[in-house]
Amino acid sequence: MMNSEELKGRLRNIESSNIKISIHAGKRIQDIRRKISYSQIISLIVSQKGLYKIQEQSAKDTNELKFKLWFQLNYLYDMNVYIVINKIPLEKSLNRLMIISAHKVKRRIQRQIENENKH
């Protein structure tokens, strides 16, 4: 289990050229109706601007860590970004990050879903 400060440090040290996008995420991000862009997502990850929640999830590969990141975009929308990173940090130039999905959600709807899942 990685704490949020440790993850934030790792994210700050990832070079943007080592941030890759999975085929699945690429299809979702390119969907014009979603109004999100690669540069916006990469900027959020690198700057951590608006990052308010981190949830570790189970990764498919034992050498990887998977996280769901919540970013506050504005008073109405959040951006959820799912990422995978190497479990063990490597030299700076070798650390990679894979964006496996991203979507924009209305915060009100997000809260409703979370409340329904608690019951």
C-alpha atoms as a PDB file:
ATOM      1  CA  MET A   1       0.000   0.000   0.000  1.00  0.00           C
ATOM      2  CA  MET A   2       1.463   3.341  -1.074  1.00  0.00           C
ATOM      3  CA  ASN A   3       0.536   6.544   0.747  1.00  0.00           C
ATOM      4  CA  SER A   4      -0.629   9.603  -1.160  1.00  0.00           C
ATOM      5  CA  GLU A   5       2.513  11.677  -0.493  1.00  0.00           C
ATOM      6  CA  GLU A   6       4.705   8.889  -1.867  1.00  0.00           C
ATOM      7  CA  LEU A   7       2.549   8.630  -4.987  1.00  0.00           C
ATOM      8  CA  LYS A   8       2.561  12.414  -5.479  1.00  0.00           C
ATOM      9  CA  GLY A   9       6.364  12.359  -5.299  1.00  0.00           C
ATOM     10  CA  ARG A  10       6.495   9.605  -7.912  1.00  0.00           C
ATOM     11  CA  LEU A  11       4.124  11.511 -10.193  1.00  0.00           C
ATOM     12  CA  ARG A  12       6.266  14.664  -9.943  1.00  0.00           C
ATOM     13  CA  ASN A  13       9.304  12.658 -11.082  1.00  0.00           C
ATOM     14  CA  ILE A  14       7.746  11.118 -14.174  1.00  0.00           C
ATOM     15  CA  GLU A  15       8.834  12.764 -17.400  1.00  0.00           C
ATOM     16  CA  SER A  16       5.890  13.572 -19.650  1.00  0.00           C
ATOM     17  CA  SER A  17       7.575  11.646 -22.484  1.00  0.00           C
ATOM     18  CA  ASN A  18       7.180   8.504 -20.323  1.00  0.00           C
ATOM     19  CA  ILE A  19       3.430   8.948 -19.939  1.00  0.00           C
ATOM     20  CA  LYS A  20       1.674   6.571 -22.311  1.00  0.00           C
ATOM     21  CA  ILE A  21      -1.992   6.068 -23.078  1.00  0.00           C
ATOM     22  CA  SER A  22      -3.588   2.640 -23.415  1.00  0.00           C
ATOM     23  CA  ILE A  23      -5.689   1.843 -26.490  1.00  0.00           C
ATOM     24  CA  HIS A  24      -8.821   1.823 -24.327  1.00  0.00           C
ATOM     25  CA  ALA A  25      -8.038   5.245 -22.837  1.00  0.00           C
ATOM     26  CA  GLY A  26      -7.152   6.591 -26.268  1.00  0.00           C
ATOM     27  CA  LYS A  27     -10.611   5.694 -27.596  1.00  0.00           C
ATOM     28  CA  ARG A  28     -12.319   7.292 -24.603  1.00  0.00           C
ATOM     29  CA  ILE A  29     -10.224  10.461 -24.681  1.00  0.00           C
ATOM     30  CA  GLN A  30     -10.623  10.914 -28.439  1.00  0.00           C
ATOM     31  CA  ASP A  31     -14.415  10.689 -28.125  1.00  0.00           C
ATOM     32  CA  ILE A  32     -15.278  14.302 -28.983  1.00  0.00           C
ATOM     33  CA  ARG A  33     -18.379  14.287 -26.731  1.00  0.00           C
ATOM     34  CA  ARG A  34     -16.211  13.850 -23.645  1.00  0.00           C
ATOM     35  CA  LYS A  35     -14.430  17.184 -24.196  1.00  0.00           C
ATOM     36  CA  ILE A  36     -11.142  16.032 -22.711  1.00  0.00           C
ATOM     37  CA  SER A  37      -7.671  16.067 -24.210  1.00  0.00           C
ATOM     38  CA  TYR A  38      -4.377  14.220 -23.741  1.00  0.00           C
ATOM     39  CA  SER A  39      -2.592  17.427 -22.808  1.00  0.00           C
ATOM     40  CA  GLN A  40      -5.208  18.243 -20.171  1.00  0.00           C
ATOM     41  CA  ILE A  41      -4.847  14.826 -18.528  1.00  0.00           C
ATOM     42  CA  ILE A  42      -1.037  14.843 -18.666  1.00  0.00           C
ATOM     43  CA  SER A  43      -1.015  18.354 -17.207  1.00  0.00           C
ATOM     44  CA  LEU A  44      -3.289  17.243 -14.332  1.00  0.00           C
ATOM     45  CA  ILE A  45      -1.062  14.250 -13.531  1.00  0.00           C
ATOM     46  CA  VAL A  46       2.203  16.190 -13.652  1.00  0.00           C
ATOM     47  CA  SER A  47       0.988  19.337 -11.844  1.00  0.00           C
ATOM     48  CA  GLN A  48      -1.403  17.486  -9.497  1.00  0.00           C
ATOM     49  CA  LYS A  49      -3.562  20.616  -9.637  1.00  0.00           C
ATOM     50  CA  GLY A  50      -6.968  19.835  -8.141  1.00  0.00           C
ATOM     51  CA  LEU A  51      -5.956  16.311  -7.027  1.00  0.00           C
ATOM     52  CA  TYR A  52      -8.095  15.602  -3.983  1.00  0.00           C
ATOM     53  CA  LYS A  53      -8.467  11.832  -3.716  1.00  0.00           C
ATOM     54  CA  ILE A  54      -6.343   8.783  -4.521  1.00  0.00           C
ATOM     55  CA  GLN A  55      -7.567   5.211  -4.417  1.00  0.00           C
ATOM     56  CA  GLU A  56      -5.236   2.256  -4.899  1.00  0.00           C
ATOM     57  CA  GLN A  57      -6.795  -0.534  -6.951  1.00  0.00           C
ATOM     58  CA  SER A  58      -5.729  -4.065  -7.779  1.00  0.00           C
ATOM     59  CA  ALA A  59      -3.344  -4.188 -10.733  1.00  0.00           C
ATOM     60  CA  LYS A  60      -3.309  -7.045 -13.253  1.00  0.00           C
ATOM     61  CA  ASP A  61       0.487  -7.297 -13.189  1.00  0.00           C
ATOM     62  CA  THR A  62       2.338  -7.942  -9.909  1.00  0.00           C
ATOM     63  CA  ASN A  63       5.094  -5.489 -10.971  1.00  0.00           C
ATOM     64  CA  GLU A  64       2.616  -2.624 -11.259  1.00  0.00           C
ATOM     65  CA  LEU A  65       0.495  -0.396  -9.058  1.00  0.00           C
ATOM     66  CA  LYS A  66      -2.892   0.872 -10.219  1.00  0.00           C
ATOM     67  CA  PHE A  67      -4.591   4.013  -8.945  1.00  0.00           C
ATOM     68  CA  LYS A  68      -7.750   5.994  -9.503  1.00  0.00           C
ATOM     69  CA  LEU A  69      -7.096   9.725  -9.187  1.00  0.00           C
ATOM     70  CA  TRP A  70      -9.796  12.340  -8.618  1.00  0.00           C
ATOM     71  CA  PHE A  71      -9.129  15.868  -9.870  1.00  0.00           C
ATOM     72  CA  GLN A  72     -11.438  18.805  -9.291  1.00  0.00           C
ATOM     73  CA  LEU A  73     -11.682  20.670 -12.609  1.00  0.00           C
ATOM     74  CA  ASN A  74     -14.143  23.370 -11.545  1.00  0.00           C
ATOM     75  CA  TYR A  75     -17.209  23.779  -9.344  1.00  0.00           C
ATOM     76  CA  LEU A  76     -19.206  21.360 -11.469  1.00  0.00           C
ATOM     77  CA  TYR A  77     -16.870  18.711 -12.905  1.00  0.00           C
ATOM     78  CA  ASP A  78     -14.279  16.234 -11.685  1.00  0.00           C
ATOM     79  CA  MET A  79     -11.864  14.254 -13.821  1.00  0.00           C
ATOM     80  CA  ASN A  80     -11.247  10.636 -12.874  1.00  0.00           C
ATOM     81  CA  VAL A  81      -7.999   9.244 -14.246  1.00  0.00           C
ATOM     82  CA  TYR A  82      -6.939   5.597 -13.902  1.00  0.00           C
ATOM     83  CA  ILE A  83      -3.190   5.050 -14.044  1.00  0.00           C
ATOM     84  CA  VAL A  84      -0.665   2.236 -13.739  1.00  0.00           C
ATOM     85  CA  ILE A  85       2.938   2.780 -12.622  1.00  0.00           C
ATOM     86  CA  ASN A  86       5.926   0.503 -11.936  1.00  0.00           C
ATOM     87  CA  LYS A  87       5.752  -0.978  -8.447  1.00  0.00           C
ATOM     88  CA  ILE A  88       9.446  -0.337  -7.844  1.00  0.00           C
ATOM     89  CA  PRO A  89      10.739   3.136  -8.830  1.00  0.00           C
ATOM     90  CA  LEU A  90      13.422   3.028 -11.505  1.00  0.00           C
ATOM     91  CA  GLU A  91      15.868   5.644 -12.693  1.00  0.00           C
ATOM     92  CA  LYS A  92      13.966   8.791 -13.575  1.00  0.00           C
ATOM     93  CA  SER A  93      14.130   8.262 -17.332  1.00  0.00           C
ATOM     94  CA  LEU A  94      12.794   4.695 -17.012  1.00  0.00           C
ATOM     95  CA  ASN A  95       9.759   5.378 -14.836  1.00  0.00           C
ATOM     96  CA  ARG A  96       6.683   5.016 -16.938  1.00  0.00           C
ATOM     97  CA  LEU A  97       3.054   5.787 -16.336  1.00  0.00           C
ATOM     98  CA  MET A  98       0.184   4.332 -18.331  1.00  0.00           C
ATOM     99  CA  ILE A  99      -3.140   6.132 -18.448  1.00  0.00           C
ATOM    100  CA  ILE A 100      -5.685   3.339 -18.738  1.00  0.00           C
ATOM    101  CA  SER A 101      -8.859   5.416 -18.614  1.00  0.00           C
ATOM    102  CA  ALA A 102     -10.115   8.924 -18.000  1.00  0.00           C
ATOM    103  CA  HIS A 103     -13.506  10.493 -17.802  1.00  0.00           C
ATOM    104  CA  LYS A 104     -15.163  13.683 -16.706  1.00  0.00           C
ATOM    105  CA  VAL A 105     -18.021  13.395 -14.221  1.00  0.00           C
ATOM    106  CA  LYS A 106     -20.402  15.846 -12.653  1.00  0.00           C
ATOM    107  CA  ARG A 107     -19.523  15.933  -8.981  1.00  0.00           C
ATOM    108  CA  ARG A 108     -23.185  15.714  -7.924  1.00  0.00           C
ATOM    109  CA  ILE A 109     -23.626  12.475  -9.886  1.00  0.00           C
ATOM    110  CA  GLN A 110     -20.358  11.106  -8.489  1.00  0.00           C
ATOM    111  CA  ARG A 111     -21.580  11.700  -4.917  1.00  0.00           C
ATOM    112  CA  GLN A 112     -24.900   9.976  -5.685  1.00  0.00           C
ATOM    113  CA  ILE A 113     -23.069   6.882  -6.979  1.00  0.00           C
ATOM    114  CA  GLU A 114     -20.776   6.795  -3.937  1.00  0.00           C
ATOM    115  CA  ASN A 115     -23.754   7.109  -1.571  1.00  0.00           C
ATOM    116  CA  GLU A 116     -25.655   4.326  -3.366  1.00  0.00           C
ATOM    117  CA  ASN A 117     -22.604   2.071  -3.105  1.00  0.00           C
ATOM    118  CA  LYS A 118     -22.450   2.600   0.681  1.00  0.00           C
ATOM    119  CA  HIS A 119     -25.907   1.095   1.250  1.00  0.00           C
END
